[in-house]
Amino acid sequence: TTLFTTSIKSLVFNSKVNINLNKETPNVQAGDLMQINGMSSIFYLGSDGKRYVFPNNATFLSWYGDFSSVKTISQSQLESYALGSNITIRPGTKLIKITTNPTIYAIEPGGKLRSLGSESVASTLYGINWSQRVIDVPDVFFTNYLLVGTATSTAYPAGSLVKFGSSTDIYYIDIDSKARKFADEFAFEEAS
């Protein structure tokens, strides 16, 4: 009876410890970047409580300038967040293509892609050095994107950050193709 009682107490105690560990206040909150020690994968914690993975460094670096804000957490803490989807390249920052197809795409919010039909369109929208913005997305991650059409030289794709003429003002192109001016450089940096 004593052995049985001790075993039950041990089982209950261990269960309570495990339950408490899972309910610990995490040292991360929505909007934080996290990873577990020894793993290269980096996750973003969404406001929905899910963890979203950056599939590679190029994707991560389209959103962040360095890795200094990534927090290291325990594996059990990481596992406590449901897995969301892969994060796509940040709209307006890069142009992409896949290794098995030369078509160049602009990225819009939600991972939507607009093909750039020609070098002329690319040059008109992104300048003569447009090709320096192109990065290869591994074919396996291309399914994270949705093809929605072709860009024209008369309209910037949604999500683009642009300057018009010689102005230093920076505008964000909305999904309805309207240009919204950033109030100042601080607002631009905050949005970036």
N, C-alpha and C. Protein backbone atom coordinates (compact mmCIF):
# COMPACT_ATOMS: atom_id res chain seq x y z
N THR A 1 0.82 -1.19 0.00
CA THR A 1 0.00 0.00 0.00
C THR A 1 0.86 1.25 0.00
N THR A 2 1.94 1.23 0.80
CA THR A 2 2.83 2.38 0.84
C THR A 2 3.49 2.60 -0.51
N LEU A 3 3.95 1.53 -1.13
CA LEU A 3 4.58 1.64 -2.46
C LEU A 3 3.57 2.18 -3.46
N PHE A 4 2.34 1.66 -3.40
CA PHE A 4 1.30 2.11 -4.31
C PHE A 4 0.99 3.60 -4.10
N THR A 5 0.86 4.03 -2.84
CA THR A 5 0.58 5.43 -2.53
C THR A 5 1.71 6.32 -2.98
N THR A 6 2.95 5.90 -2.73
CA THR A 6 4.12 6.68 -3.15
C THR A 6 4.14 6.81 -4.67
N SER A 7 3.84 5.73 -5.37
CA SER A 7 3.82 5.77 -6.84
C SER A 7 2.75 6.72 -7.34
N ILE A 8 1.56 6.68 -6.71
CA ILE A 8 0.49 7.59 -7.12
C ILE A 8 0.89 9.03 -6.85
N LYS A 9 1.48 9.29 -5.65
CA LYS A 9 1.92 10.64 -5.32
C LYS A 9 2.97 11.11 -6.33
N SER A 10 3.89 10.23 -6.69
CA SER A 10 4.92 10.57 -7.65
C SER A 10 4.30 10.89 -9.01
N LEU A 11 3.34 10.06 -9.42
CA LEU A 11 2.69 10.27 -10.70
C LEU A 11 1.93 11.60 -10.71
N VAL A 12 1.18 11.87 -9.63
CA VAL A 12 0.44 13.12 -9.55
C VAL A 12 1.39 14.31 -9.52
N PHE A 13 2.45 14.21 -8.72
CA PHE A 13 3.42 15.30 -8.64
C PHE A 13 4.05 15.56 -9.99
N ASN A 14 4.51 14.50 -10.66
CA ASN A 14 5.13 14.68 -11.98
C ASN A 14 4.15 15.25 -13.00
N SER A 15 2.91 14.82 -12.92
CA SER A 15 1.91 15.36 -13.84
C SER A 15 1.71 16.84 -13.60
N LYS A 16 1.65 17.21 -12.32
CA LYS A 16 1.48 18.63 -12.01
C LYS A 16 2.66 19.44 -12.49
N VAL A 17 3.87 18.90 -12.34
CA VAL A 17 5.05 19.61 -12.82
C VAL A 17 4.97 19.79 -14.33
N ASN A 18 4.61 18.72 -15.02
CA ASN A 18 4.51 18.83 -16.48
C ASN A 18 3.43 19.82 -16.88
N ILE A 19 2.30 19.78 -16.19
CA ILE A 19 1.23 20.72 -16.52
C ILE A 19 1.69 22.15 -16.27
N ASN A 20 2.35 22.36 -15.14
CA ASN A 20 2.84 23.70 -14.84
C ASN A 20 3.87 24.16 -15.86
N LEU A 21 4.74 23.24 -16.30
CA LEU A 21 5.73 23.64 -17.29
C LEU A 21 5.06 24.08 -18.58
N ASN A 22 4.00 23.39 -18.98
CA ASN A 22 3.31 23.75 -20.21
C ASN A 22 2.54 25.06 -20.07
N LYS A 23 2.19 25.43 -18.83
CA LYS A 23 1.44 26.66 -18.61
C LYS A 23 2.33 27.81 -18.17
N GLU A 24 3.64 27.60 -18.18
CA GLU A 24 4.54 28.69 -17.81
C GLU A 24 4.29 29.89 -18.71
N THR A 25 4.48 31.06 -18.15
CA THR A 25 4.41 32.26 -18.97
C THR A 25 5.61 32.23 -19.90
N PRO A 26 5.37 32.16 -21.20
CA PRO A 26 6.51 32.09 -22.13
C PRO A 26 7.29 33.40 -22.14
N ASN A 27 8.57 33.28 -22.46
CA ASN A 27 9.39 34.49 -22.55
C ASN A 27 9.31 35.09 -23.95
N VAL A 28 8.34 34.62 -24.71
CA VAL A 28 8.08 35.19 -26.04
C VAL A 28 6.62 35.62 -26.11
N GLN A 29 6.35 36.56 -26.96
CA GLN A 29 4.99 37.02 -27.17
C GLN A 29 4.74 37.22 -28.66
N ALA A 30 3.51 37.44 -29.02
CA ALA A 30 3.17 37.63 -30.42
C ALA A 30 4.09 38.68 -31.04
N GLY A 31 4.63 38.36 -32.21
CA GLY A 31 5.54 39.26 -32.90
C GLY A 31 7.00 38.94 -32.68
N ASP A 32 7.30 38.03 -31.74
CA ASP A 32 8.69 37.67 -31.46
C ASP A 32 9.21 36.60 -32.41
N LEU A 33 10.52 36.59 -32.55
CA LEU A 33 11.23 35.56 -33.32
C LEU A 33 11.81 34.58 -32.33
N MET A 34 11.79 33.29 -32.67
CA MET A 34 12.28 32.29 -31.73
C MET A 34 12.88 31.10 -32.45
N GLN A 35 13.74 30.40 -31.72
CA GLN A 35 14.32 29.16 -32.21
C GLN A 35 14.74 28.34 -31.00
N ILE A 36 15.00 27.05 -31.22
CA ILE A 36 15.52 26.24 -30.12
C ILE A 36 17.01 26.07 -30.33
N ASN A 37 17.71 25.92 -29.23
CA ASN A 37 19.16 25.82 -29.26
C ASN A 37 19.60 24.66 -30.15
N GLY A 38 20.56 24.91 -31.02
CA GLY A 38 21.11 23.87 -31.88
C GLY A 38 20.36 23.65 -33.17
N MET A 39 19.26 24.35 -33.38
CA MET A 39 18.47 24.21 -34.62
C MET A 39 18.58 25.50 -35.43
N SER A 40 18.63 25.36 -36.73
CA SER A 40 18.76 26.55 -37.57
C SER A 40 17.42 27.18 -37.91
N SER A 41 16.31 26.46 -37.74
CA SER A 41 15.00 27.00 -38.08
C SER A 41 14.63 28.15 -37.16
N ILE A 42 14.08 29.20 -37.77
CA ILE A 42 13.62 30.37 -37.02
C ILE A 42 12.12 30.51 -37.26
N PHE A 43 11.41 30.81 -36.17
CA PHE A 43 9.96 30.92 -36.22
C PHE A 43 9.53 32.31 -35.79
N TYR A 44 8.39 32.72 -36.31
CA TYR A 44 7.72 33.96 -35.92
C TYR A 44 6.47 33.55 -35.16
N LEU A 45 6.24 34.14 -33.99
CA LEU A 45 5.04 33.83 -33.21
C LEU A 45 3.95 34.81 -33.59
N GLY A 46 2.90 34.28 -34.22
CA GLY A 46 1.80 35.12 -34.67
C GLY A 46 0.85 35.49 -33.56
N SER A 47 0.02 36.49 -33.82
CA SER A 47 -0.97 36.92 -32.83
C SER A 47 -2.04 35.86 -32.61
N ASP A 48 -2.10 34.86 -33.49
CA ASP A 48 -3.03 33.75 -33.33
C ASP A 48 -2.45 32.62 -32.48
N GLY A 49 -1.23 32.82 -31.96
CA GLY A 49 -0.59 31.82 -31.11
C GLY A 49 0.10 30.72 -31.88
N LYS A 50 0.17 30.84 -33.20
CA LYS A 50 0.85 29.82 -34.01
C LYS A 50 2.26 30.28 -34.32
N ARG A 51 3.13 29.31 -34.56
CA ARG A 51 4.51 29.60 -34.97
C ARG A 51 4.61 29.41 -36.48
N TYR A 52 5.18 30.40 -37.12
CA TYR A 52 5.34 30.39 -38.57
C TYR A 52 6.83 30.31 -38.87
N VAL A 53 7.20 29.44 -39.79
CA VAL A 53 8.62 29.18 -40.04
C VAL A 53 9.13 29.95 -41.25
N PHE A 54 10.34 30.47 -41.11
CA PHE A 54 11.06 31.03 -42.25
C PHE A 54 11.74 29.87 -42.93
N PRO A 55 11.40 29.54 -44.19
CA PRO A 55 11.95 28.34 -44.82
C PRO A 55 13.44 28.42 -45.16
N ASN A 56 13.99 29.64 -45.20
CA ASN A 56 15.43 29.79 -45.48
C ASN A 56 15.89 31.19 -45.07
N ASN A 57 17.20 31.39 -45.12
CA ASN A 57 17.77 32.69 -44.72
C ASN A 57 17.31 33.84 -45.62
N ALA A 58 17.18 33.59 -46.91
CA ALA A 58 16.77 34.65 -47.83
C ALA A 58 15.39 35.19 -47.45
N THR A 59 14.50 34.30 -47.07
CA THR A 59 13.16 34.73 -46.64
C THR A 59 13.27 35.54 -45.35
N PHE A 60 14.02 35.04 -44.39
CA PHE A 60 14.19 35.76 -43.12
C PHE A 60 14.77 37.16 -43.36
N LEU A 61 15.81 37.24 -44.17
CA LEU A 61 16.49 38.51 -44.40
C LEU A 61 15.66 39.49 -45.24
N SER A 62 14.59 39.02 -45.87
CA SER A 62 13.69 39.96 -46.55
C SER A 62 12.81 40.69 -45.53
N TRP A 63 12.72 40.15 -44.33
CA TRP A 63 11.92 40.76 -43.26
C TRP A 63 12.77 41.45 -42.20
N TYR A 64 13.95 40.91 -41.91
CA TYR A 64 14.79 41.42 -40.82
C TYR A 64 16.23 41.59 -41.32
N GLY A 65 16.93 42.58 -40.78
CA GLY A 65 18.29 42.88 -41.21
C GLY A 65 19.35 41.97 -40.62
N ASP A 66 19.04 41.36 -39.47
CA ASP A 66 20.00 40.45 -38.83
C ASP A 66 19.24 39.53 -37.88
N PHE A 67 19.98 38.71 -37.16
CA PHE A 67 19.37 37.70 -36.30
C PHE A 67 19.39 38.09 -34.83
N SER A 68 19.70 39.34 -34.52
CA SER A 68 19.90 39.76 -33.13
C SER A 68 18.63 39.69 -32.28
N SER A 69 17.46 39.73 -32.87
CA SER A 69 16.23 39.72 -32.07
C SER A 69 15.63 38.32 -31.90
N VAL A 70 16.33 37.29 -32.38
CA VAL A 70 15.83 35.91 -32.26
C VAL A 70 16.08 35.42 -30.83
N LYS A 71 15.02 34.94 -30.19
CA LYS A 71 15.12 34.43 -28.83
C LYS A 71 15.24 32.91 -28.85
N THR A 72 16.07 32.37 -27.99
CA THR A 72 16.21 30.92 -27.88
C THR A 72 15.29 30.42 -26.78
N ILE A 73 14.45 29.45 -27.12
CA ILE A 73 13.50 28.89 -26.16
C ILE A 73 13.68 27.38 -26.12
N SER A 74 13.03 26.73 -25.17
CA SER A 74 13.12 25.28 -25.05
C SER A 74 12.29 24.60 -26.12
N GLN A 75 12.62 23.35 -26.38
CA GLN A 75 11.87 22.59 -27.37
C GLN A 75 10.42 22.43 -26.92
N SER A 76 10.21 22.17 -25.63
CA SER A 76 8.84 22.00 -25.14
C SER A 76 8.03 23.29 -25.30
N GLN A 77 8.68 24.42 -25.09
CA GLN A 77 7.97 25.69 -25.28
C GLN A 77 7.62 25.89 -26.75
N LEU A 78 8.57 25.60 -27.65
CA LEU A 78 8.30 25.72 -29.08
C LEU A 78 7.14 24.82 -29.47
N GLU A 79 7.16 23.58 -28.97
CA GLU A 79 6.11 22.62 -29.30
C GLU A 79 4.75 23.03 -28.77
N SER A 80 4.71 23.92 -27.78
CA SER A 80 3.43 24.36 -27.22
C SER A 80 2.67 25.29 -28.17
N TYR A 81 3.33 25.77 -29.20
CA TYR A 81 2.69 26.62 -30.21
C TYR A 81 2.38 25.78 -31.43
N ALA A 82 1.14 25.80 -31.88
CA ALA A 82 0.77 25.06 -33.08
C ALA A 82 1.57 25.58 -34.27
N LEU A 83 1.86 24.69 -35.19
CA LEU A 83 2.63 25.06 -36.38
C LEU A 83 1.72 25.69 -37.41
N GLY A 84 2.06 26.90 -37.84
CA GLY A 84 1.33 27.57 -38.91
C GLY A 84 1.98 27.23 -40.25
N SER A 85 1.95 28.12 -41.16
CA SER A 85 2.50 27.89 -42.50
C SER A 85 3.90 28.49 -42.63
N ASN A 86 4.49 28.29 -43.80
CA ASN A 86 5.77 28.92 -44.11
C ASN A 86 5.55 30.40 -44.37
N ILE A 87 6.52 31.19 -44.00
CA ILE A 87 6.51 32.62 -44.30
C ILE A 87 7.07 32.80 -45.71
N THR A 88 6.49 33.72 -46.46
CA THR A 88 6.97 33.99 -47.82
C THR A 88 7.88 35.23 -47.80
N ILE A 89 8.58 35.43 -48.89
CA ILE A 89 9.42 36.61 -49.04
C ILE A 89 8.55 37.86 -48.82
N ARG A 90 9.11 38.83 -48.14
CA ARG A 90 8.35 40.05 -47.82
C ARG A 90 7.98 40.80 -49.10
N PRO A 91 6.69 41.13 -49.25
CA PRO A 91 6.26 41.87 -50.44
C PRO A 91 7.02 43.19 -50.58
N GLY A 92 7.33 43.54 -51.82
CA GLY A 92 7.96 44.82 -52.10
C GLY A 92 9.46 44.86 -51.89
N THR A 93 10.06 43.78 -51.39
CA THR A 93 11.49 43.83 -51.10
C THR A 93 12.35 43.15 -52.15
N LYS A 94 11.88 42.08 -52.69
CA LYS A 94 12.65 41.28 -53.65
C LYS A 94 11.76 40.88 -54.81
N LEU A 95 12.39 40.44 -55.86
CA LEU A 95 11.72 39.76 -56.95
C LEU A 95 12.18 38.31 -56.85
N ILE A 96 11.33 37.38 -57.23
CA ILE A 96 11.74 35.98 -57.10
C ILE A 96 11.57 35.23 -58.40
N LYS A 97 12.26 34.11 -58.45
CA LYS A 97 12.09 33.12 -59.51
C LYS A 97 12.42 31.77 -58.89
N ILE A 98 12.08 30.72 -59.59
CA ILE A 98 12.48 29.40 -59.12
C ILE A 98 13.61 28.90 -59.99
N THR A 99 14.34 27.96 -59.50
CA THR A 99 15.54 27.49 -60.20
C THR A 99 15.23 26.79 -61.51
N THR A 100 14.00 26.26 -61.66
CA THR A 100 13.67 25.50 -62.86
C THR A 100 12.86 26.30 -63.89
N ASN A 101 12.69 27.62 -63.65
CA ASN A 101 11.92 28.44 -64.57
C ASN A 101 12.44 29.87 -64.50
N PRO A 102 12.73 30.50 -65.63
CA PRO A 102 13.30 31.85 -65.61
C PRO A 102 12.30 32.98 -65.36
N THR A 103 11.01 32.70 -65.24
CA THR A 103 10.01 33.75 -65.04
C THR A 103 10.28 34.48 -63.72
N ILE A 104 10.25 35.81 -63.79
CA ILE A 104 10.49 36.66 -62.61
C ILE A 104 9.13 37.13 -62.09
N TYR A 105 9.00 37.12 -60.76
CA TYR A 105 7.74 37.51 -60.13
C TYR A 105 7.95 38.61 -59.10
N ALA A 106 6.97 39.50 -59.00
CA ALA A 106 6.88 40.46 -57.89
C ALA A 106 5.96 39.83 -56.86
N ILE A 107 6.25 40.06 -55.59
CA ILE A 107 5.48 39.46 -54.51
C ILE A 107 4.53 40.50 -53.93
N GLU A 108 3.28 40.12 -53.79
CA GLU A 108 2.27 40.96 -53.17
C GLU A 108 1.90 40.37 -51.80
N PRO A 109 1.21 41.14 -50.96
CA PRO A 109 0.79 40.60 -49.66
C PRO A 109 0.03 39.28 -49.81
N GLY A 110 0.23 38.40 -48.84
CA GLY A 110 -0.42 37.10 -48.87
C GLY A 110 0.28 36.08 -49.75
N GLY A 111 1.52 36.39 -50.16
CA GLY A 111 2.27 35.46 -51.00
C GLY A 111 1.77 35.39 -52.43
N LYS A 112 1.07 36.42 -52.88
CA LYS A 112 0.56 36.44 -54.25
C LYS A 112 1.67 36.91 -55.18
N LEU A 113 1.74 36.29 -56.35
CA LEU A 113 2.79 36.60 -57.32
C LEU A 113 2.21 37.18 -58.60
N ARG A 114 2.91 38.20 -59.10
CA ARG A 114 2.61 38.76 -60.42
C ARG A 114 3.87 38.59 -61.26
N SER A 115 3.72 37.92 -62.37
CA SER A 115 4.88 37.74 -63.24
C SER A 115 5.20 39.06 -63.92
N LEU A 116 6.49 39.28 -64.12
CA LEU A 116 6.94 40.45 -64.87
C LEU A 116 7.14 39.96 -66.30
N GLY A 117 6.27 40.38 -67.18
CA GLY A 117 6.24 39.83 -68.53
C GLY A 117 7.47 40.07 -69.37
N SER A 118 8.27 41.09 -69.02
CA SER A 118 9.44 41.39 -69.84
C SER A 118 10.47 42.17 -69.02
N GLU A 119 11.67 42.26 -69.55
CA GLU A 119 12.71 43.07 -68.91
C GLU A 119 12.30 44.54 -68.91
N SER A 120 11.57 44.95 -69.92
CA SER A 120 11.11 46.33 -70.01
C SER A 120 10.18 46.67 -68.84
N VAL A 121 9.24 45.78 -68.52
CA VAL A 121 8.35 46.00 -67.38
C VAL A 121 9.17 46.03 -66.09
N ALA A 122 10.09 45.09 -65.94
CA ALA A 122 10.92 45.04 -64.74
C ALA A 122 11.73 46.32 -64.57
N SER A 123 12.30 46.79 -65.66
CA SER A 123 13.11 48.00 -65.62
C SER A 123 12.26 49.24 -65.30
N THR A 124 11.08 49.32 -65.88
CA THR A 124 10.19 50.46 -65.62
C THR A 124 9.78 50.50 -64.15
N LEU A 125 9.43 49.35 -63.58
CA LEU A 125 8.95 49.31 -62.20
C LEU A 125 10.07 49.36 -61.17
N TYR A 126 11.20 48.71 -61.46
CA TYR A 126 12.24 48.53 -60.44
C TYR A 126 13.59 49.14 -60.80
N GLY A 127 13.68 49.85 -61.91
CA GLY A 127 14.92 50.51 -62.29
C GLY A 127 15.85 49.61 -63.09
N ILE A 128 16.93 50.20 -63.59
CA ILE A 128 17.83 49.45 -64.48
C ILE A 128 18.56 48.31 -63.76
N ASN A 129 18.66 48.41 -62.45
CA ASN A 129 19.33 47.34 -61.69
C ASN A 129 18.34 46.34 -61.09
N TRP A 130 17.18 46.19 -61.71
CA TRP A 130 16.13 45.30 -61.20
C TRP A 130 16.63 43.88 -60.97
N SER A 131 17.53 43.42 -61.81
CA SER A 131 17.99 42.02 -61.71
C SER A 131 18.75 41.75 -60.40
N GLN A 132 19.26 42.80 -59.77
CA GLN A 132 19.96 42.61 -58.49
C GLN A 132 18.98 42.32 -57.35
N ARG A 133 17.70 42.51 -57.59
CA ARG A 133 16.68 42.22 -56.58
C ARG A 133 16.17 40.79 -56.67
N VAL A 134 16.56 40.06 -57.69
CA VAL A 134 16.02 38.72 -57.92
C VAL A 134 16.73 37.69 -57.05
N ILE A 135 15.93 36.87 -56.36
CA ILE A 135 16.49 35.75 -55.61
C ILE A 135 15.78 34.47 -56.05
N ASP A 136 16.48 33.38 -55.98
CA ASP A 136 15.91 32.08 -56.31
C ASP A 136 15.20 31.50 -55.09
N VAL A 137 13.98 31.06 -55.31
CA VAL A 137 13.23 30.34 -54.28
C VAL A 137 13.29 28.87 -54.66
N PRO A 138 13.71 28.01 -53.74
CA PRO A 138 13.72 26.57 -54.06
C PRO A 138 12.33 26.11 -54.51
N ASP A 139 12.30 25.26 -55.51
CA ASP A 139 11.04 24.78 -56.07
C ASP A 139 10.09 24.27 -54.99
N VAL A 140 10.61 23.59 -54.00
CA VAL A 140 9.77 23.00 -52.94
C VAL A 140 8.99 24.06 -52.17
N PHE A 141 9.47 25.31 -52.12
CA PHE A 141 8.77 26.38 -51.41
C PHE A 141 7.89 27.22 -52.32
N PHE A 142 7.96 26.98 -53.62
CA PHE A 142 7.18 27.78 -54.57
C PHE A 142 5.68 27.57 -54.36
N THR A 143 5.31 26.41 -53.82
CA THR A 143 3.90 26.13 -53.57
C THR A 143 3.33 27.00 -52.45
N ASN A 144 4.18 27.74 -51.72
CA ASN A 144 3.70 28.67 -50.69
C ASN A 144 3.11 29.94 -51.30
N TYR A 145 3.31 30.11 -52.60
CA TYR A 145 2.87 31.31 -53.30
C TYR A 145 1.67 31.00 -54.18
N LEU A 146 0.96 32.07 -54.57
CA LEU A 146 -0.21 31.93 -55.43
C LEU A 146 -0.04 32.85 -56.64
N LEU A 147 -0.10 32.28 -57.84
CA LEU A 147 0.01 33.08 -59.06
C LEU A 147 -1.31 33.80 -59.29
N VAL A 148 -1.24 35.14 -59.43
CA VAL A 148 -2.48 35.92 -59.59
C VAL A 148 -2.54 36.73 -60.88
N GLY A 149 -1.49 36.75 -61.65
CA GLY A 149 -1.55 37.52 -62.89
C GLY A 149 -0.20 38.06 -63.30
N THR A 150 -0.26 39.02 -64.21
CA THR A 150 0.95 39.62 -64.77
C THR A 150 0.98 41.11 -64.42
N ALA A 151 2.13 41.58 -64.03
CA ALA A 151 2.32 43.01 -63.73
C ALA A 151 2.42 43.78 -65.04
N THR A 152 2.00 45.03 -64.99
CA THR A 152 2.15 45.91 -66.15
C THR A 152 3.09 47.05 -65.77
N SER A 153 3.61 47.73 -66.75
CA SER A 153 4.54 48.82 -66.47
C SER A 153 3.82 50.08 -65.99
N THR A 154 2.48 50.03 -65.94
CA THR A 154 1.73 51.21 -65.51
C THR A 154 1.22 51.13 -64.07
N ALA A 155 1.43 49.99 -63.40
CA ALA A 155 0.94 49.85 -62.02
C ALA A 155 1.91 49.01 -61.20
N TYR A 156 2.33 49.56 -60.07
CA TYR A 156 3.19 48.80 -59.16
C TYR A 156 2.37 47.71 -58.48
N PRO A 157 2.95 46.54 -58.30
CA PRO A 157 2.25 45.48 -57.56
C PRO A 157 1.98 45.92 -56.11
N ALA A 158 0.89 45.44 -55.55
CA ALA A 158 0.56 45.74 -54.15
C ALA A 158 1.72 45.32 -53.26
N GLY A 159 1.96 46.11 -52.21
CA GLY A 159 3.04 45.81 -51.28
C GLY A 159 4.35 46.47 -51.64
N SER A 160 4.40 47.12 -52.79
CA SER A 160 5.64 47.77 -53.22
C SER A 160 5.89 49.04 -52.42
N LEU A 161 7.16 49.32 -52.16
CA LEU A 161 7.60 50.58 -51.56
C LEU A 161 8.27 51.36 -52.67
N VAL A 162 7.78 52.56 -52.95
CA VAL A 162 8.29 53.30 -54.10
C VAL A 162 8.54 54.77 -53.78
N LYS A 163 9.44 55.35 -54.57
CA LYS A 163 9.67 56.80 -54.59
C LYS A 163 9.32 57.24 -55.99
N PHE A 164 8.66 58.38 -56.10
CA PHE A 164 8.28 58.89 -57.41
C PHE A 164 9.22 60.02 -57.80
N GLY A 165 9.81 59.90 -58.99
CA GLY A 165 10.71 60.92 -59.49
C GLY A 165 11.88 61.15 -58.56
N SER A 166 12.22 62.42 -58.33
CA SER A 166 13.36 62.75 -57.48
C SER A 166 12.96 63.00 -56.02
N SER A 167 11.68 62.77 -55.71
CA SER A 167 11.18 62.98 -54.35
C SER A 167 11.84 62.00 -53.37
N THR A 168 12.02 62.43 -52.13
CA THR A 168 12.55 61.55 -51.09
C THR A 168 11.40 60.86 -50.34
N ASP A 169 10.15 61.22 -50.65
CA ASP A 169 9.00 60.61 -50.01
C ASP A 169 8.88 59.14 -50.42
N ILE A 170 8.47 58.33 -49.47
CA ILE A 170 8.31 56.90 -49.73
C ILE A 170 6.83 56.56 -49.61
N TYR A 171 6.34 55.77 -50.58
CA TYR A 171 4.94 55.39 -50.63
C TYR A 171 4.81 53.87 -50.59
N TYR A 172 3.72 53.43 -49.97
CA TYR A 172 3.35 52.01 -49.95
C TYR A 172 2.17 51.85 -50.89
N ILE A 173 2.25 50.87 -51.78
CA ILE A 173 1.16 50.62 -52.72
C ILE A 173 0.19 49.62 -52.09
N ASP A 174 -1.06 50.08 -51.84
CA ASP A 174 -2.10 49.24 -51.26
C ASP A 174 -2.59 48.20 -52.25
N ILE A 175 -3.40 47.26 -51.75
CA ILE A 175 -3.95 46.24 -52.64
C ILE A 175 -4.93 46.82 -53.65
N ASP A 176 -5.42 48.03 -53.40
CA ASP A 176 -6.31 48.67 -54.38
C ASP A 176 -5.52 49.62 -55.30
N SER A 177 -4.19 49.47 -55.32
CA SER A 177 -3.26 50.22 -56.17
C SER A 177 -3.11 51.69 -55.78
N LYS A 178 -3.59 52.08 -54.62
CA LYS A 178 -3.41 53.45 -54.16
C LYS A 178 -2.08 53.58 -53.42
N ALA A 179 -1.41 54.71 -53.63
CA ALA A 179 -0.12 54.97 -52.98
C ALA A 179 -0.38 55.71 -51.67
N ARG A 180 0.10 55.13 -50.56
CA ARG A 180 -0.01 55.78 -49.26
C ARG A 180 1.37 56.27 -48.84
N LYS A 181 1.47 57.55 -48.60
CA LYS A 181 2.75 58.15 -48.22
C LYS A 181 3.03 57.87 -46.74
N PHE A 182 4.28 57.49 -46.46
CA PHE A 182 4.70 57.37 -45.07
C PHE A 182 4.85 58.77 -44.51
N ALA A 183 4.40 58.95 -43.28
CA ALA A 183 4.44 60.28 -42.65
C ALA A 183 5.85 60.83 -42.56
N ASP A 184 6.77 59.98 -42.23
CA ASP A 184 8.17 60.38 -42.11
C ASP A 184 9.05 59.13 -42.15
N GLU A 185 10.36 59.32 -42.06
CA GLU A 185 11.28 58.18 -42.13
C GLU A 185 11.08 57.22 -40.95
N PHE A 186 10.70 57.76 -39.77
CA PHE A 186 10.46 56.90 -38.63
C PHE A 186 9.30 55.94 -38.91
N ALA A 187 8.23 56.44 -39.51
CA ALA A 187 7.07 55.60 -39.84
C ALA A 187 7.48 54.54 -40.84
N PHE A 188 8.32 54.92 -41.80
CA PHE A 188 8.82 53.94 -42.78
C PHE A 188 9.63 52.86 -42.10
N GLU A 189 10.54 53.25 -41.21
CA GLU A 189 11.37 52.29 -40.49
C GLU A 189 10.52 51.36 -39.64
N GLU A 190 9.48 51.90 -38.99
CA GLU A 190 8.59 51.08 -38.18
C GLU A 190 7.85 50.06 -39.05
N ALA A 191 7.44 50.47 -40.23
CA ALA A 191 6.73 49.56 -41.14
C ALA A 191 7.68 48.55 -41.76
N SER A 192 8.95 48.89 -41.83
CA SER A 192 9.92 47.98 -42.41
C SER A 192 10.28 46.96 -41.40
